[in-house]
Amino acid sequence: MKRFHMHVAVKNIEESVQFYSTLFGVPPVKLKDDYAKWLVEDPRINFAISTRSDVLGVNHLGIQVENEGELEVITERLKKADLGVYGEGETTCCYAESKKAWVRDPANIAWEAYQNMADAEVFGNESNQDEDQEGGCCEPDDSEEGSCCE
């Protein structure tokens, strides 16, 4: 079963964790000094926040899948939209190892389709560890292979 994903850049992780835990009625399933994630069942969402961007607000949207077959179907749909799928492949991002594909919609909003494989001890690939990175998470640019964000 698929799960909608939203990643929001926040200024203060503690205040934001308190707010979203109250809103969702549950604590985050993953909490780091710079990142938190909730897997809420109603509504079915993977909601993540991080302090890794100077640009606050919605960082990107996505669809999380449970298996490789679902990921292949969504990736093919993205390719049919003819908007230039990029960043396909395995990556480490947001403290997780994943397989991903990225696209920007007609409004230039970044979307990812991904399958999580395992937890990771680091936020992202070594090239994505710069905390001052514009964009905050680890969305690849159109030419990068295998970047991330969950």
Foldseek 3Di string as FASTA:
>chain_A
DKAKEWEWEDQAPVVVQVVVCVVLVHGFPDDDRFKTWHQGVVVGYTYMYGNLAPDGTTLAIEMEDADPVVLVVVVVVLVVVVQQKAQAQWWAAQQFIKGWIWGQPPVRGIYMYIYTDGGHPAHTDPVPRPSHDHSRTWDDPRPDYNGDYD
